[in-house]
Amino acid sequence: MSAKYIFNPKKLLLLVFIGVVGLSGCKKFLDVNQDPNKPSTADPNLLLPVSQVAVGTVVGNYFQVYGNIWGQYWTQGPSASQYRSIERYNDPNTAFDQVWNRIYTKALINAQLIIDSKVGGVEQTKGIAYLTKAYTFQLATDAFGDIPVGDALQTTNLSPKYIAQAAVYDSIFNYIDKGVALIGVANAVKPPGSQDVVFQGDMAQWKAFANTLKLKAYLRLTNIDPAKASAGIAALYATSPVFLTKDASIKYSSTGGNDNPLYSEIVGLGKPQNLVASATAVDQFVANNDPRVLQLYVPVAGTTTVTTLVQGTFAQFPTSVVSTPSALVGASPNNAQSALAPVKFISASESYFLQAEAVARGWATGDVNDLFAKGINASFVATGITDAAIAATYITTARDGQLALTAAASPEAKVKAIITQKYYALCGFQGFEAWSEYRRTGYPDFLIISKAAPAGTAVGPRRMLYPNSESVTNLNYPGTIALNVPVWWGKKN
């Protein structure tokens, strides 16, 4: 990916957005960073969007590309070459330097600066920082496995220790609880307001985010520690939690350099058609008569046909005209509306499917059929299909809709139906989450090995590689772990 976000920690980039009121009224601040080597005296509210937007760049660009390719929504286009190594499962360690740097020196360091700030009256902002920290550490550990946590944010420590994923998850739960306690402070002197580019200072939404994130984190443990997962979910539900019913997302604009980070990447590369429709996902949309396919991909001009490539066959069809992902998900090279595509941290649809899975496993109370339908409805609305009758027809008639859930005779079969439908809902918007759910559950069961992978490859990627930067700077570097080695919780796949 492009090198325009490389961070030099020896240079202090001053915060220039004092008085900023959110994305729409600011200068370009996607690359603004507070120097972690100097004490921060800035208002923590001004650091908050820096941390949040850094997370948005990770989720909406780096992880979006890997997730949507390895999750087989997208594949490398035949007329370009940027992501061929991803399809071939042979990216070098250096390919992950920038995203690791973005996670630690921008997203997490700025969140920690907020938490450590001596400025008074910013409890709610600190609460959001804890939740951002929890969310970001989960992204990192789900991608890489064991990672540095506590001493990683001590900026004088050049060789932070890696800790086991089980301990990382314990930290995540701890950070969520700390965040919830702080966002509940009602008398914040300096509330975050519109500096919070996710929920604009709405603490009720952040509480719902915290509950949904905790549910997701416990469900990650399903196959590695089901007792802990079920007990944690039971304890969560004992609090009568409210979960997200709207997307936790960053909305972008086409002015001031604040466009969708994936589209910004595409523009920086000269707008090549690197990303095209994968037959793996599209064939399943078509088999279900799913109208979302025409919202998520660009059909051939003058038709309603989405053309595809089998995953990894870019070299076999060099002159093929293949549909691109749509502007809705920020990946249509020649449609400037891509600049406006949101980056979703947790979507409303994902929230409903998480709840449905918890109920299907017998770990929570609720109506699994209703939650399943709400997850589909939320996805239809997110793709611009607002006619409830269209969604209702799909739910009742599609092969992988209510028919599949009703036919499921066991909790595992119900989970398969839920995760398969969740896969469709995550298409294009949340590729990394879809790939993670596949690694956790083995669903959907129709993913294939990329045709560009080395001969004899038996499994697809199960993790990302530790960056080369760690191998040359961190004395505690654990060594390269191959792409096909599952992360701690990825027992099934």
Protein backbone atom coordinates (compact mmCIF):
# COMPACT_ATOMS: atom_id res chain seq x y z
CA MET A 1 0.00 0.00 0.00
CA SER A 2 1.13 3.54 -0.47
CA ALA A 3 3.76 5.06 1.76
CA LYS A 4 2.11 8.40 2.38
CA TYR A 5 1.25 7.66 6.02
CA ILE A 6 4.76 6.80 7.22
CA PHE A 7 5.33 8.36 10.64
CA ASN A 8 8.64 9.77 11.85
CA PRO A 9 8.54 9.82 15.66
CA LYS A 10 11.45 12.25 15.81
CA LYS A 11 9.42 15.03 14.26
CA LEU A 12 6.71 16.82 16.17
CA LEU A 13 3.67 17.41 14.01
CA LEU A 14 1.74 20.14 15.77
CA LEU A 15 -1.97 19.81 16.34
CA VAL A 16 -3.53 22.35 14.03
CA PHE A 17 -7.15 21.71 14.62
CA ILE A 18 -7.83 23.72 17.81
CA GLY A 19 -11.44 24.76 17.56
CA VAL A 20 -12.25 22.06 15.04
CA VAL A 21 -15.79 20.77 15.17
CA GLY A 22 -15.66 17.34 13.61
CA LEU A 23 -14.65 16.15 10.18
CA SER A 24 -16.74 18.48 8.11
CA GLY A 25 -15.33 21.67 9.54
CA CYS A 26 -11.64 20.85 9.75
CA LYS A 27 -8.46 20.94 7.76
CA LYS A 28 -6.99 17.64 6.69
CA PHE A 29 -5.97 15.91 9.92
CA LEU A 30 -5.63 12.29 8.83
CA ASP A 31 -1.87 12.48 9.28
CA VAL A 32 -1.70 14.75 12.32
CA ASN A 33 -0.01 13.13 15.31
CA GLN A 34 1.11 14.17 18.76
CA ASP A 35 4.75 13.27 19.37
CA PRO A 36 4.68 10.37 21.89
CA ASN A 37 8.16 11.27 23.12
CA LYS A 38 7.07 14.57 24.63
CA PRO A 39 4.54 15.18 27.40
CA SER A 40 1.14 16.16 26.12
CA THR A 41 -0.40 19.37 27.39
CA ALA A 42 -3.00 19.55 24.64
CA ASP A 43 -6.68 19.23 25.35
CA PRO A 44 -7.39 15.48 25.17
CA ASN A 45 -10.50 16.26 23.13
CA LEU A 46 -8.18 17.41 20.35
CA LEU A 47 -6.29 14.13 20.43
CA LEU A 48 -9.45 12.04 20.22
CA PRO A 49 -10.13 12.40 16.47
CA VAL A 50 -6.46 11.68 15.74
CA SER A 51 -6.73 8.32 17.47
CA GLN A 52 -10.13 7.51 15.98
CA VAL A 53 -9.16 8.41 12.42
CA ALA A 54 -6.00 6.32 12.73
CA VAL A 55 -8.18 3.34 13.64
CA GLY A 56 -10.39 4.21 10.69
CA THR A 57 -7.40 4.05 8.36
CA VAL A 58 -6.48 0.59 9.68
CA VAL A 59 -10.02 -0.77 9.39
CA GLY A 60 -10.95 1.08 6.21
CA ASN A 61 -7.78 0.65 4.16
CA TYR A 62 -5.13 -1.83 5.25
CA PHE A 63 -7.40 -4.42 6.87
CA GLN A 64 -10.18 -3.66 4.42
CA VAL A 65 -8.05 -4.81 1.48
CA TYR A 66 -6.68 -7.93 3.16
CA GLY A 67 -10.03 -8.83 4.68
CA ASN A 68 -12.06 -8.41 1.52
CA ILE A 69 -9.54 -10.37 -0.55
CA TRP A 70 -8.96 -13.17 1.97
CA GLY A 71 -12.69 -13.14 2.76
CA GLN A 72 -13.23 -13.50 -1.02
CA TYR A 73 -15.56 -10.62 -1.66
CA TRP A 74 -12.90 -9.09 -3.89
CA THR A 75 -10.02 -10.42 -5.96
CA GLN A 76 -7.07 -8.86 -7.77
CA GLY A 77 -8.06 -7.30 -11.08
CA PRO A 78 -6.38 -8.55 -14.25
CA SER A 79 -5.35 -5.11 -15.48
CA ALA A 80 -3.37 -4.09 -12.38
CA SER A 81 -0.95 -5.66 -9.93
CA GLN A 82 -0.97 -3.96 -6.52
CA TYR A 83 -2.39 -6.86 -4.52
CA ARG A 84 -1.14 -9.92 -6.39
CA SER A 85 1.08 -10.97 -3.51
CA ILE A 86 -1.96 -10.97 -1.20
CA GLU A 87 -3.71 -13.38 -3.56
CA ARG A 88 -0.59 -15.52 -3.72
CA TYR A 89 -0.32 -15.70 0.08
CA ASN A 90 3.29 -14.54 -0.13
CA ASP A 91 3.38 -10.98 1.18
CA PRO A 92 6.71 -10.21 2.90
CA ASN A 93 6.95 -9.05 6.51
CA THR A 94 7.65 -5.52 5.26
CA ALA A 95 4.10 -5.35 3.87
CA PHE A 96 2.82 -5.04 7.45
CA ASP A 97 5.19 -2.32 8.68
CA GLN A 98 2.83 0.57 7.97
CA VAL A 99 -0.29 -0.93 9.51
CA TRP A 100 1.59 -1.96 12.67
CA ASN A 101 3.00 1.55 12.89
CA ARG A 102 -0.44 3.06 12.39
CA ILE A 103 -1.91 0.88 15.15
CA TYR A 104 0.75 1.59 17.75
CA THR A 105 2.20 5.05 17.10
CA LYS A 106 -1.01 6.75 16.09
CA ALA A 107 -4.15 4.96 17.24
CA LEU A 108 -2.90 3.54 20.54
CA ILE A 109 -0.32 6.15 21.55
CA ASN A 110 -2.83 8.96 21.14
CA ALA A 111 -5.46 7.01 23.07
CA GLN A 112 -2.91 6.52 25.85
CA LEU A 113 -1.99 10.21 25.85
CA ILE A 114 -5.67 10.98 26.46
CA ILE A 115 -5.88 8.44 29.29
CA ASP A 116 -2.70 9.77 30.92
CA SER A 117 -3.61 13.43 30.54
CA LYS A 118 -3.67 15.60 33.67
CA VAL A 119 -6.30 17.89 32.14
CA GLY A 120 -9.41 17.85 34.31
CA GLY A 121 -13.04 17.37 33.39
CA VAL A 122 -12.48 15.03 30.45
CA GLU A 123 -13.65 11.75 31.95
CA GLN A 124 -15.94 10.95 29.05
CA THR A 125 -13.15 11.50 26.54
CA LYS A 126 -10.92 9.20 28.56
CA GLY A 127 -13.70 6.63 28.56
CA ILE A 128 -13.88 6.76 24.77
CA ALA A 129 -10.09 6.42 24.65
CA TYR A 130 -10.26 3.24 26.74
CA LEU A 131 -12.90 1.80 24.40
CA THR A 132 -10.83 2.80 21.38
CA LYS A 133 -7.84 1.12 23.00
CA ALA A 134 -9.83 -2.07 23.62
CA TYR A 135 -11.16 -2.12 20.06
CA THR A 136 -7.72 -1.48 18.56
CA PHE A 137 -5.95 -4.12 20.62
CA GLN A 138 -8.57 -6.62 19.52
CA LEU A 139 -7.91 -5.71 15.90
CA ALA A 140 -4.19 -6.16 16.42
CA THR A 141 -4.32 -9.46 18.27
CA ASP A 142 -6.92 -10.91 15.90
CA ALA A 143 -4.61 -10.04 13.02
CA PHE A 144 -1.19 -10.92 14.40
CA GLY A 145 -1.65 -13.19 17.43
CA ASP A 146 0.51 -12.46 20.48
CA ILE A 147 1.31 -8.74 20.64
CA PRO A 148 2.86 -6.15 22.97
CA VAL A 149 0.27 -4.49 25.21
CA GLY A 150 1.13 -2.78 28.51
CA ASP A 151 4.71 -1.69 27.95
CA ALA A 152 4.11 -1.13 24.23
CA LEU A 153 2.73 2.31 25.05
CA GLN A 154 5.64 3.31 27.26
CA THR A 155 7.44 5.37 24.67
CA THR A 156 10.87 4.97 26.25
CA ASN A 157 10.68 1.19 25.88
CA LEU A 158 12.00 0.19 22.46
CA SER A 159 11.58 -3.55 23.07
CA PRO A 160 8.13 -4.17 24.56
CA LYS A 161 7.33 -7.76 25.47
CA TYR A 162 4.79 -9.80 23.55
CA ILE A 163 2.05 -11.37 25.64
CA ALA A 164 -0.18 -14.33 24.87
CA GLN A 165 -3.51 -13.71 23.18
CA ALA A 166 -5.41 -14.98 26.20
CA ALA A 167 -3.80 -12.21 28.27
CA VAL A 168 -4.46 -9.66 25.52
CA TYR A 169 -8.14 -10.54 25.67
CA ASP A 170 -8.12 -10.14 29.45
CA SER A 171 -6.73 -6.65 28.89
CA ILE A 172 -9.43 -5.92 26.34
CA PHE A 173 -12.20 -6.80 28.80
CA ASN A 174 -10.46 -4.67 31.44
CA TYR A 175 -10.22 -1.66 29.13
CA ILE A 176 -13.90 -1.98 28.20
CA ASP A 177 -14.90 -1.94 31.87
CA LYS A 178 -12.72 1.10 32.56
CA GLY A 179 -14.19 2.86 29.55
CA VAL A 180 -17.75 2.17 30.64
CA ALA A 181 -17.08 3.58 34.11
CA LEU A 182 -15.71 6.83 32.67
CA ILE A 183 -18.29 7.46 29.96
CA GLY A 184 -20.89 7.14 32.71
CA VAL A 185 -19.59 10.29 34.43
CA ALA A 186 -22.39 12.78 33.95
CA ASN A 187 -20.64 15.99 34.96
CA ALA A 188 -17.81 16.13 32.45
CA VAL A 189 -16.56 19.72 32.32
CA LYS A 190 -15.20 19.27 28.81
CA PRO A 191 -17.34 16.70 26.97
CA PRO A 192 -15.91 15.49 23.66
CA GLY A 193 -18.80 16.77 21.57
CA SER A 194 -18.13 16.79 17.85
CA GLN A 195 -14.44 16.01 18.35
CA ASP A 196 -15.72 12.46 18.72
CA VAL A 197 -15.97 11.62 15.02
CA VAL A 198 -17.77 8.31 15.68
CA PHE A 199 -20.76 9.27 17.87
CA GLN A 200 -20.33 13.05 18.31
CA GLY A 201 -20.19 12.73 22.08
CA ASP A 202 -23.30 10.56 22.53
CA MET A 203 -22.47 8.53 25.63
CA ALA A 204 -25.52 6.28 25.27
CA GLN A 205 -24.15 5.13 21.93
CA TRP A 206 -20.72 4.54 23.44
CA LYS A 207 -22.30 2.39 26.16
CA ALA A 208 -24.03 0.34 23.46
CA PHE A 209 -20.71 0.13 21.62
CA ALA A 210 -18.98 -1.15 24.77
CA ASN A 211 -21.62 -3.84 25.29
CA THR A 212 -21.48 -4.93 21.65
CA LEU A 213 -17.68 -5.00 21.64
CA LYS A 214 -17.66 -7.10 24.81
CA LEU A 215 -20.16 -9.54 23.29
CA LYS A 216 -18.02 -9.83 20.16
CA ALA A 217 -14.88 -10.39 22.21
CA TYR A 218 -16.48 -13.16 24.27
CA LEU A 219 -17.80 -14.87 21.15
CA ARG A 220 -14.24 -14.91 19.77
CA LEU A 221 -13.43 -17.34 22.59
CA THR A 222 -16.14 -19.81 21.54
CA ASN A 223 -13.81 -22.61 20.42
CA ILE A 224 -10.82 -21.95 22.67
CA ASP A 225 -12.51 -21.22 26.02
CA PRO A 226 -16.28 -21.79 25.79
CA ALA A 227 -16.71 -21.75 29.56
CA LYS A 228 -15.24 -18.27 29.81
CA ALA A 229 -17.23 -17.14 26.78
CA SER A 230 -20.56 -18.37 28.12
CA ALA A 231 -19.93 -17.04 31.65
CA GLY A 232 -18.86 -13.65 30.31
CA ILE A 233 -21.91 -13.38 28.08
CA ALA A 234 -24.21 -14.44 30.94
CA ALA A 235 -22.69 -11.74 33.16
CA LEU A 236 -23.08 -9.17 30.40
CA TYR A 237 -26.74 -10.04 29.85
CA ALA A 238 -27.36 -9.88 33.59
CA THR A 239 -26.83 -6.12 33.31
CA SER A 240 -29.74 -5.79 30.84
CA PRO A 241 -27.38 -4.42 28.20
CA VAL A 242 -28.33 -2.20 25.30
CA PHE A 243 -26.52 -3.10 22.07
CA LEU A 244 -25.84 -1.05 18.97
CA THR A 245 -28.78 -0.42 16.66
CA LYS A 246 -26.85 2.04 14.49
CA ASP A 247 -23.41 1.82 12.93
CA ALA A 248 -20.34 2.84 14.88
CA SER A 249 -18.58 4.46 11.97
CA ILE A 250 -16.59 7.39 10.68
CA LYS A 251 -18.22 9.37 7.91
CA TYR A 252 -15.96 11.05 5.39
CA SER A 253 -16.22 13.97 3.00
CA SER A 254 -14.79 14.79 -0.40
CA THR A 255 -13.18 18.03 0.76
CA GLY A 256 -10.11 18.88 2.78
CA GLY A 257 -8.42 15.54 2.16
CA ASN A 258 -10.86 13.80 4.48
CA ASP A 259 -12.06 11.15 2.05
CA ASN A 260 -12.49 7.44 2.65
CA PRO A 261 -9.03 5.96 3.32
CA LEU A 262 -9.33 3.15 0.77
CA TYR A 263 -10.44 5.52 -1.94
CA SER A 264 -7.59 7.84 -0.96
CA GLU A 265 -5.25 4.89 -1.50
CA ILE A 266 -6.80 4.18 -4.90
CA VAL A 267 -6.43 7.81 -5.96
CA GLY A 268 -2.83 7.83 -4.76
CA LEU A 269 -2.08 4.83 -6.95
CA GLY A 270 -3.53 6.53 -10.02
CA LYS A 271 -6.99 4.91 -9.88
CA PRO A 272 -6.07 1.47 -11.23
CA GLN A 273 -8.68 -1.29 -11.20
CA ASN A 274 -6.94 -3.46 -8.63
CA LEU A 275 -10.04 -4.67 -6.83
CA VAL A 276 -12.75 -6.57 -8.70
CA ALA A 277 -15.67 -8.83 -7.86
CA SER A 278 -14.87 -12.34 -6.66
CA ALA A 279 -16.98 -15.23 -7.93
CA THR A 280 -16.89 -16.74 -4.44
CA ALA A 281 -19.20 -14.13 -2.91
CA VAL A 282 -21.10 -13.00 -6.00
CA ASP A 283 -22.16 -16.52 -6.99
CA GLN A 284 -23.75 -16.94 -3.55
CA PHE A 285 -25.54 -13.59 -3.76
CA VAL A 286 -26.94 -14.63 -7.14
CA ALA A 287 -27.96 -18.09 -5.88
CA ASN A 288 -30.00 -16.37 -3.17
CA ASN A 289 -31.57 -13.84 -5.56
CA ASP A 290 -30.05 -11.23 -3.30
CA PRO A 291 -30.64 -7.65 -4.50
CA ARG A 292 -27.73 -6.37 -2.43
CA VAL A 293 -25.31 -7.66 -5.07
CA LEU A 294 -26.21 -4.76 -7.37
CA GLN A 295 -25.57 -2.29 -4.57
CA LEU A 296 -22.21 -3.73 -3.55
CA TYR A 297 -20.77 -4.22 -7.03
CA VAL A 298 -20.92 -2.27 -10.29
CA PRO A 299 -22.74 -4.22 -13.01
CA VAL A 300 -21.59 -4.25 -16.61
CA ALA A 301 -22.71 -1.05 -18.33
CA GLY A 302 -26.30 -1.25 -19.54
CA THR A 303 -26.99 -4.54 -17.73
CA THR A 304 -27.79 -5.95 -14.33
CA THR A 305 -24.97 -8.47 -14.58
CA VAL A 306 -22.07 -8.46 -12.15
CA THR A 307 -19.08 -10.07 -13.85
CA THR A 308 -16.51 -11.85 -11.70
CA LEU A 309 -13.21 -13.67 -11.56
CA VAL A 310 -12.61 -16.89 -9.69
CA GLN A 311 -10.42 -16.01 -6.72
CA GLY A 312 -6.80 -15.60 -7.81
CA THR A 313 -7.24 -16.09 -11.58
CA PHE A 314 -6.10 -12.59 -12.58
CA ALA A 315 -3.19 -13.93 -14.66
CA GLN A 316 -5.41 -16.30 -16.63
CA PHE A 317 -7.79 -13.64 -17.93
CA PRO A 318 -5.65 -10.55 -18.59
CA THR A 319 -8.18 -8.83 -20.86
CA SER A 320 -11.36 -9.60 -18.93
CA VAL A 321 -13.77 -6.82 -18.06
CA VAL A 322 -14.74 -7.47 -14.46
CA SER A 323 -17.13 -5.61 -12.17
CA THR A 324 -15.60 -3.48 -9.44
CA PRO A 325 -16.81 -3.04 -5.89
CA SER A 326 -19.18 -0.10 -5.74
CA ALA A 327 -18.69 3.42 -4.47
CA LEU A 328 -20.89 2.44 -1.53
CA VAL A 329 -17.88 0.62 -0.03
CA GLY A 330 -15.28 3.16 -1.19
CA ALA A 331 -13.66 0.95 -3.82
CA SER A 332 -14.90 2.15 -7.21
CA PRO A 333 -11.87 3.82 -8.83
CA ASN A 334 -13.71 6.14 -11.20
CA ASN A 335 -16.62 7.11 -9.00
CA ALA A 336 -15.83 10.06 -6.76
CA GLN A 337 -18.70 9.05 -4.47
CA SER A 338 -16.28 6.45 -3.12
CA ALA A 339 -14.74 9.29 -1.11
CA LEU A 340 -17.89 9.42 1.02
CA ALA A 341 -18.05 5.75 1.98
CA PRO A 342 -18.08 5.28 5.76
CA VAL A 343 -15.65 3.10 7.67
CA LYS A 344 -17.58 0.87 10.04
CA PHE A 345 -16.03 -0.18 13.34
CA ILE A 346 -19.10 -2.19 14.33
CA SER A 347 -22.24 -2.14 12.21
CA ALA A 348 -25.84 -2.39 13.37
CA SER A 349 -26.22 -5.55 11.29
CA GLU A 350 -23.18 -7.11 12.93
CA SER A 351 -24.62 -6.24 16.35
CA TYR A 352 -27.84 -8.14 15.63
CA PHE A 353 -26.00 -11.18 14.30
CA LEU A 354 -23.74 -11.27 17.37
CA GLN A 355 -26.83 -11.30 19.57
CA ALA A 356 -28.44 -13.98 17.41
CA GLU A 357 -25.38 -16.21 17.76
CA ALA A 358 -25.29 -15.79 21.54
CA VAL A 359 -28.94 -16.85 21.72
CA ALA A 360 -28.44 -19.76 19.30
CA ARG A 361 -25.64 -21.11 21.49
CA GLY A 362 -27.89 -20.95 24.54
CA TRP A 363 -25.74 -18.33 26.24
CA ALA A 364 -28.21 -15.44 26.11
CA THR A 365 -31.93 -14.80 26.08
CA GLY A 366 -33.77 -13.45 23.08
CA ASP A 367 -35.59 -14.39 19.90
CA VAL A 368 -33.02 -15.78 17.47
CA ASN A 369 -35.39 -15.52 14.51
CA ASP A 370 -36.17 -11.88 15.23
CA LEU A 371 -32.50 -10.97 15.70
CA PHE A 372 -31.59 -12.82 12.50
CA ALA A 373 -34.22 -10.88 10.56
CA LYS A 374 -33.12 -7.59 12.12
CA GLY A 375 -29.54 -8.27 11.04
CA ILE A 376 -30.67 -8.78 7.45
CA ASN A 377 -32.95 -5.75 7.51
CA ALA A 378 -30.16 -3.53 8.84
CA SER A 379 -27.89 -4.75 6.04
CA PHE A 380 -30.49 -4.02 3.37
CA VAL A 381 -30.95 -0.49 4.69
CA ALA A 382 -27.16 0.02 4.82
CA THR A 383 -26.92 -0.88 1.13
CA GLY A 384 -29.66 1.58 0.21
CA ILE A 385 -32.55 -0.88 -0.08
CA THR A 386 -35.12 0.76 2.17
CA ASP A 387 -38.27 -0.96 0.92
CA ALA A 388 -39.13 -3.30 3.79
CA ALA A 389 -41.12 -5.56 1.48
CA ILE A 390 -37.99 -6.38 -0.55
CA ALA A 391 -36.08 -7.41 2.55
CA ALA A 392 -39.07 -9.38 3.84
CA THR A 393 -39.31 -11.35 0.59
CA TYR A 394 -35.62 -12.13 0.73
CA ILE A 395 -35.80 -13.26 4.37
CA THR A 396 -38.64 -15.68 3.70
CA THR A 397 -37.57 -17.05 0.31
CA ALA A 398 -33.77 -16.96 0.04
CA ARG A 399 -31.92 -20.26 0.35
CA ASP A 400 -29.72 -18.84 3.12
CA GLY A 401 -32.46 -16.80 4.76
CA GLN A 402 -35.08 -17.88 7.27
CA LEU A 403 -35.39 -21.23 5.50
CA ALA A 404 -31.86 -22.15 6.51
CA LEU A 405 -32.28 -21.00 10.11
CA THR A 406 -35.59 -22.83 10.51
CA ALA A 407 -34.14 -26.04 9.04
CA ALA A 408 -31.19 -25.96 11.44
CA ALA A 409 -31.65 -28.84 13.88
CA SER A 410 -28.79 -28.06 16.26
CA PRO A 411 -27.16 -24.99 17.81
CA GLU A 412 -24.14 -25.44 15.52
CA ALA A 413 -26.38 -25.57 12.45
CA LYS A 414 -28.10 -22.39 13.60
CA VAL A 415 -24.72 -20.72 14.05
CA LYS A 416 -23.79 -21.75 10.51
CA ALA A 417 -26.95 -20.09 9.16
CA ILE A 418 -26.29 -16.94 11.19
CA ILE A 419 -22.63 -16.58 10.24
CA THR A 420 -23.36 -17.29 6.57
CA GLN A 421 -25.96 -14.54 6.49
CA LYS A 422 -23.61 -12.31 8.46
CA TYR A 423 -21.02 -12.88 5.73
CA TYR A 424 -23.35 -11.32 3.17
CA ALA A 425 -24.02 -8.36 5.45
CA LEU A 426 -20.32 -7.64 6.02
CA CYS A 427 -19.50 -7.64 2.28
CA GLY A 428 -17.33 -4.70 1.26
CA PHE A 429 -17.85 -2.76 4.46
CA GLN A 430 -16.19 -5.06 7.01
CA GLY A 431 -13.90 -7.44 5.19
CA PHE A 432 -11.55 -7.98 8.11
CA GLU A 433 -14.44 -8.97 10.37
CA ALA A 434 -15.75 -11.45 7.81
CA TRP A 435 -12.30 -13.05 7.44
CA SER A 436 -11.99 -13.23 11.23
CA GLU A 437 -15.37 -14.89 11.60
CA TYR A 438 -14.41 -17.43 8.95
CA ARG A 439 -11.21 -18.20 10.83
CA ARG A 440 -13.19 -18.59 14.06
CA THR A 441 -16.14 -20.64 12.84
CA GLY A 442 -15.27 -22.11 9.44
CA TYR A 443 -18.34 -20.38 7.98
CA PRO A 444 -19.32 -19.74 5.32
CA ASP A 445 -18.22 -23.11 3.99
CA PHE A 446 -17.90 -22.09 0.34
CA LEU A 447 -14.59 -20.20 0.45
CA ILE A 448 -11.82 -21.67 -1.70
CA ILE A 449 -8.03 -21.58 -1.90
CA SER A 450 -6.88 -18.78 -4.19
CA LYS A 451 -5.91 -20.11 -7.60
CA ALA A 452 -2.82 -17.93 -7.36
CA ALA A 453 -1.61 -19.65 -4.18
CA PRO A 454 1.39 -22.02 -4.40
CA ALA A 455 0.61 -25.54 -5.56
CA GLY A 456 -0.37 -27.79 -2.68
CA THR A 457 -1.66 -24.98 -0.46
CA ALA A 458 -4.23 -26.62 1.83
CA VAL A 459 -5.53 -23.67 3.84
CA GLY A 460 -5.88 -19.95 3.33
CA PRO A 461 -4.25 -17.26 5.47
CA ARG A 462 -5.02 -17.54 9.17
CA ARG A 463 -3.08 -14.52 10.41
CA MET A 464 -1.00 -11.56 9.28
CA LEU A 465 2.79 -11.56 9.55
CA TYR A 466 4.65 -9.63 12.21
CA PRO A 467 6.22 -6.58 10.54
CA ASN A 468 9.84 -6.42 9.56
CA SER A 469 10.20 -3.28 11.66
CA GLU A 470 9.72 -5.39 14.80
CA SER A 471 12.41 -7.85 13.78
CA VAL A 472 15.00 -5.08 13.44
CA THR A 473 14.05 -2.92 16.45
CA ASN A 474 12.45 -5.09 19.14
CA LEU A 475 14.74 -7.40 21.08
CA ASN A 476 11.66 -9.37 22.16
CA TYR A 477 10.55 -10.08 18.60
CA PRO A 478 9.08 -13.61 18.65
CA GLY A 479 10.13 -14.51 15.11
CA THR A 480 8.09 -14.93 11.95
CA ILE A 481 5.01 -17.13 12.23
CA ALA A 482 3.66 -18.44 8.93
CA LEU A 483 0.39 -17.18 7.46
CA ASN A 484 -1.20 -20.62 7.72
CA VAL A 485 -0.75 -20.92 11.51
CA PRO A 486 -4.05 -20.18 13.30
CA VAL A 487 -4.27 -17.47 15.90
CA TRP A 488 -5.11 -18.60 19.43
CA TRP A 489 -8.88 -18.57 19.04
CA GLY A 490 -8.89 -19.86 15.45
CA LYS A 491 -9.20 -23.54 16.25
CA LYS A 492 -11.76 -24.45 13.62
CA ASN A 493 -10.12 -22.85 10.65
